[in-house]
Amino acid sequence: MRQGIKAFLLSAFVFPGLGQLYNQDRRKGVALVLGTNLLLGVTLLVGMVLFSQEYMAVFYPRPLIWELVKVLLLDTISHPLFWIPFGLLLALWGFGMVDAARGAGRQPPASDQ
């Protein structure tokens, strides 16, 4: 399998930055892994805050049952504030995939052992 395809698959399906690390572009790989982790954490934090605010404002005296969770999740992912870090996360993930595939052409081919 070509090095570019391996790097693309690592960044696409495992985690952004792993393709760059496979291509031995360590600085960019570490930066992408850290940036992705940061954006993933911010996205989860914003999602949890929006979820809990909606629950406390609308449904608080009622127990949290599965039907309420479904409604709250739909409200959370439809909120514009959720889409800011999530959109940035998707953009960073896409950049990592494309850059890993393109960066493999700039490196000398790795020997498959």
C-alpha atoms as a PDB file:
ATOM      1  CA  MET A   1       0.000   0.000   0.000  1.00  0.00           C
ATOM      2  CA  ARG A   2       1.344   3.427  -0.877  1.00  0.00           C
ATOM      3  CA  GLN A   3       2.600   5.666   1.893  1.00  0.00           C
ATOM      4  CA  GLY A   4       0.105   8.441   1.029  1.00  0.00           C
ATOM      5  CA  ILE A   5      -2.860   6.113   1.338  1.00  0.00           C
ATOM      6  CA  LYS A   6      -1.648   4.780   4.685  1.00  0.00           C
ATOM      7  CA  ALA A   7      -1.105   8.306   5.999  1.00  0.00           C
ATOM      8  CA  PHE A   8      -4.544   9.388   4.766  1.00  0.00           C
ATOM      9  CA  LEU A   9      -6.264   6.394   6.383  1.00  0.00           C
ATOM     10  CA  LEU A  10      -4.478   6.968   9.691  1.00  0.00           C
ATOM     11  CA  SER A  11      -5.573  10.607   9.780  1.00  0.00           C
ATOM     12  CA  ALA A  12      -9.077   9.894   8.481  1.00  0.00           C
ATOM     13  CA  PHE A  13     -10.160   6.862  10.483  1.00  0.00           C
ATOM     14  CA  VAL A  14      -7.899   6.718  13.519  1.00  0.00           C
ATOM     15  CA  PHE A  15      -7.021  10.273  14.606  1.00  0.00           C
ATOM     16  CA  PRO A  16      -5.834  13.481  12.907  1.00  0.00           C
ATOM     17  CA  GLY A  17      -2.098  13.919  13.154  1.00  0.00           C
ATOM     18  CA  LEU A  18      -1.226  10.223  13.035  1.00  0.00           C
ATOM     19  CA  GLY A  19      -0.725  10.416   9.277  1.00  0.00           C
ATOM     20  CA  GLN A  20       1.734  13.271   9.771  1.00  0.00           C
ATOM     21  CA  LEU A  21       3.548  11.259  12.431  1.00  0.00           C
ATOM     22  CA  TYR A  22       3.639   8.302  10.005  1.00  0.00           C
ATOM     23  CA  ASN A  23       5.180  10.665   7.423  1.00  0.00           C
ATOM     24  CA  GLN A  24       7.731  11.666  10.087  1.00  0.00           C
ATOM     25  CA  ASP A  25       6.474  15.259  10.215  1.00  0.00           C
ATOM     26  CA  ARG A  26       6.565  15.293  14.007  1.00  0.00           C
ATOM     27  CA  ARG A  27       5.860  18.960  14.727  1.00  0.00           C
ATOM     28  CA  LYS A  28       2.775  19.106  12.561  1.00  0.00           C
ATOM     29  CA  GLY A  29       1.588  15.695  13.804  1.00  0.00           C
ATOM     30  CA  VAL A  30       1.875  16.631  17.473  1.00  0.00           C
ATOM     31  CA  ALA A  31       0.228  20.003  16.827  1.00  0.00           C
ATOM     32  CA  LEU A  32      -2.697  18.322  15.057  1.00  0.00           C
ATOM     33  CA  VAL A  33      -3.141  15.715  17.792  1.00  0.00           C
ATOM     34  CA  LEU A  34      -3.095  18.378  20.510  1.00  0.00           C
ATOM     35  CA  GLY A  35      -5.371  20.729  18.552  1.00  0.00           C
ATOM     36  CA  THR A  36      -7.849  17.964  17.850  1.00  0.00           C
ATOM     37  CA  ASN A  37      -7.883  16.919  21.492  1.00  0.00           C
ATOM     38  CA  LEU A  38      -8.464  20.524  22.545  1.00  0.00           C
ATOM     39  CA  LEU A  39     -11.334  21.024  20.083  1.00  0.00           C
ATOM     40  CA  LEU A  40     -12.850  17.658  20.999  1.00  0.00           C
ATOM     41  CA  GLY A  41     -12.774  18.630  24.673  1.00  0.00           C
ATOM     42  CA  VAL A  42     -14.291  22.049  24.000  1.00  0.00           C
ATOM     43  CA  THR A  43     -17.016  20.486  21.848  1.00  0.00           C
ATOM     44  CA  LEU A  44     -17.905  17.985  24.569  1.00  0.00           C
ATOM     45  CA  LEU A  45     -17.830  20.673  27.250  1.00  0.00           C
ATOM     46  CA  VAL A  46     -20.095  23.009  25.251  1.00  0.00           C
ATOM     47  CA  GLY A  47     -22.426  20.106  24.538  1.00  0.00           C
ATOM     48  CA  MET A  48     -22.656  19.164  28.207  1.00  0.00           C
ATOM     49  CA  VAL A  49     -23.257  22.767  29.279  1.00  0.00           C
ATOM     50  CA  LEU A  50     -26.016  23.250  26.698  1.00  0.00           C
ATOM     51  CA  PHE A  51     -27.567  19.902  27.633  1.00  0.00           C
ATOM     52  CA  SER A  52     -27.611  20.695  31.344  1.00  0.00           C
ATOM     53  CA  GLN A  53     -28.872  24.260  30.849  1.00  0.00           C
ATOM     54  CA  GLU A  54     -31.778  23.032  28.749  1.00  0.00           C
ATOM     55  CA  TYR A  55     -32.605  20.344  31.299  1.00  0.00           C
ATOM     56  CA  MET A  56     -32.465  22.747  34.239  1.00  0.00           C
ATOM     57  CA  ALA A  57     -34.506  25.429  32.449  1.00  0.00           C
ATOM     58  CA  VAL A  58     -37.260  23.253  31.008  1.00  0.00           C
ATOM     59  CA  PHE A  59     -37.405  19.756  32.491  1.00  0.00           C
ATOM     60  CA  TYR A  60     -35.801  19.972  35.960  1.00  0.00           C
ATOM     61  CA  PRO A  61     -38.477  18.631  38.282  1.00  0.00           C
ATOM     62  CA  ARG A  62     -39.027  15.642  35.994  1.00  0.00           C
ATOM     63  CA  PRO A  63     -36.629  12.696  36.169  1.00  0.00           C
ATOM     64  CA  LEU A  64     -34.185  12.305  33.306  1.00  0.00           C
ATOM     65  CA  ILE A  65     -35.632   9.467  31.219  1.00  0.00           C
ATOM     66  CA  TRP A  66     -34.652   8.292  27.738  1.00  0.00           C
ATOM     67  CA  GLU A  67     -37.363  10.313  25.965  1.00  0.00           C
ATOM     68  CA  LEU A  68     -36.094  13.513  27.620  1.00  0.00           C
ATOM     69  CA  VAL A  69     -32.509  12.649  26.755  1.00  0.00           C
ATOM     70  CA  LYS A  70     -33.446  12.326  23.065  1.00  0.00           C
ATOM     71  CA  VAL A  71     -35.191  15.725  23.120  1.00  0.00           C
ATOM     72  CA  LEU A  72     -32.284  17.343  24.948  1.00  0.00           C
ATOM     73  CA  LEU A  73     -29.711  15.868  22.554  1.00  0.00           C
ATOM     74  CA  LEU A  74     -31.623  17.177  19.550  1.00  0.00           C
ATOM     75  CA  ASP A  75     -31.836  20.616  21.166  1.00  0.00           C
ATOM     76  CA  THR A  76     -28.129  20.524  21.979  1.00  0.00           C
ATOM     77  CA  ILE A  77     -26.909  19.623  18.502  1.00  0.00           C
ATOM     78  CA  SER A  78     -29.262  22.133  16.885  1.00  0.00           C
ATOM     79  CA  HIS A  79     -27.871  25.006  18.974  1.00  0.00           C
ATOM     80  CA  PRO A  80     -25.524  27.314  16.983  1.00  0.00           C
ATOM     81  CA  LEU A  81     -23.029  27.518  19.837  1.00  0.00           C
ATOM     82  CA  PHE A  82     -22.452  23.758  19.571  1.00  0.00           C
ATOM     83  CA  TRP A  83     -21.599  24.010  15.871  1.00  0.00           C
ATOM     84  CA  ILE A  84     -18.738  26.489  16.309  1.00  0.00           C
ATOM     85  CA  PRO A  85     -16.237  24.111  17.988  1.00  0.00           C
ATOM     86  CA  PHE A  86     -17.706  21.105  16.166  1.00  0.00           C
ATOM     87  CA  GLY A  87     -17.246  22.802  12.783  1.00  0.00           C
ATOM     88  CA  LEU A  88     -13.680  23.729  13.676  1.00  0.00           C
ATOM     89  CA  LEU A  89     -13.067  20.121  14.722  1.00  0.00           C
ATOM     90  CA  LEU A  90     -14.380  18.834  11.388  1.00  0.00           C
ATOM     91  CA  ALA A  91     -12.267  21.384   9.493  1.00  0.00           C
ATOM     92  CA  LEU A  92      -9.132  20.387  11.413  1.00  0.00           C
ATOM     93  CA  TRP A  93      -9.877  16.699  10.818  1.00  0.00           C
ATOM     94  CA  GLY A  94     -10.298  17.346   7.085  1.00  0.00           C
ATOM     95  CA  PHE A  95      -7.084  19.366   6.950  1.00  0.00           C
ATOM     96  CA  GLY A  96      -5.248  16.545   8.712  1.00  0.00           C
ATOM     97  CA  MET A  97      -6.469  13.980   6.180  1.00  0.00           C
ATOM     98  CA  VAL A  98      -5.556  16.032   3.114  1.00  0.00           C
ATOM     99  CA  ASP A  99      -2.229  17.194   4.517  1.00  0.00           C
ATOM    100  CA  ALA A 100      -1.222  13.654   5.462  1.00  0.00           C
ATOM    101  CA  ALA A 101      -1.894  12.393   1.944  1.00  0.00           C
ATOM    102  CA  ARG A 102      -0.100  15.333   0.329  1.00  0.00           C
ATOM    103  CA  GLY A 103       2.779  15.228   2.806  1.00  0.00           C
ATOM    104  CA  ALA A 104       3.582  11.643   1.919  1.00  0.00           C
ATOM    105  CA  GLY A 105       4.632  12.755  -1.562  1.00  0.00           C
ATOM    106  CA  ARG A 106       7.196  15.149  -0.080  1.00  0.00           C
ATOM    107  CA  GLN A 107       8.902  12.468   2.011  1.00  0.00           C
ATOM    108  CA  PRO A 108      11.215   9.760   0.718  1.00  0.00           C
ATOM    109  CA  PRO A 109       9.342   6.436   0.589  1.00  0.00           C
ATOM    110  CA  ALA A 110       9.427   4.495   3.834  1.00  0.00           C
ATOM    111  CA  SER A 111      10.629   0.944   3.679  1.00  0.00           C
ATOM    112  CA  ASP A 112       7.851  -1.540   4.493  1.00  0.00           C
ATOM    113  CA  GLN A 113       9.305  -4.168   6.741  1.00  0.00           C
END
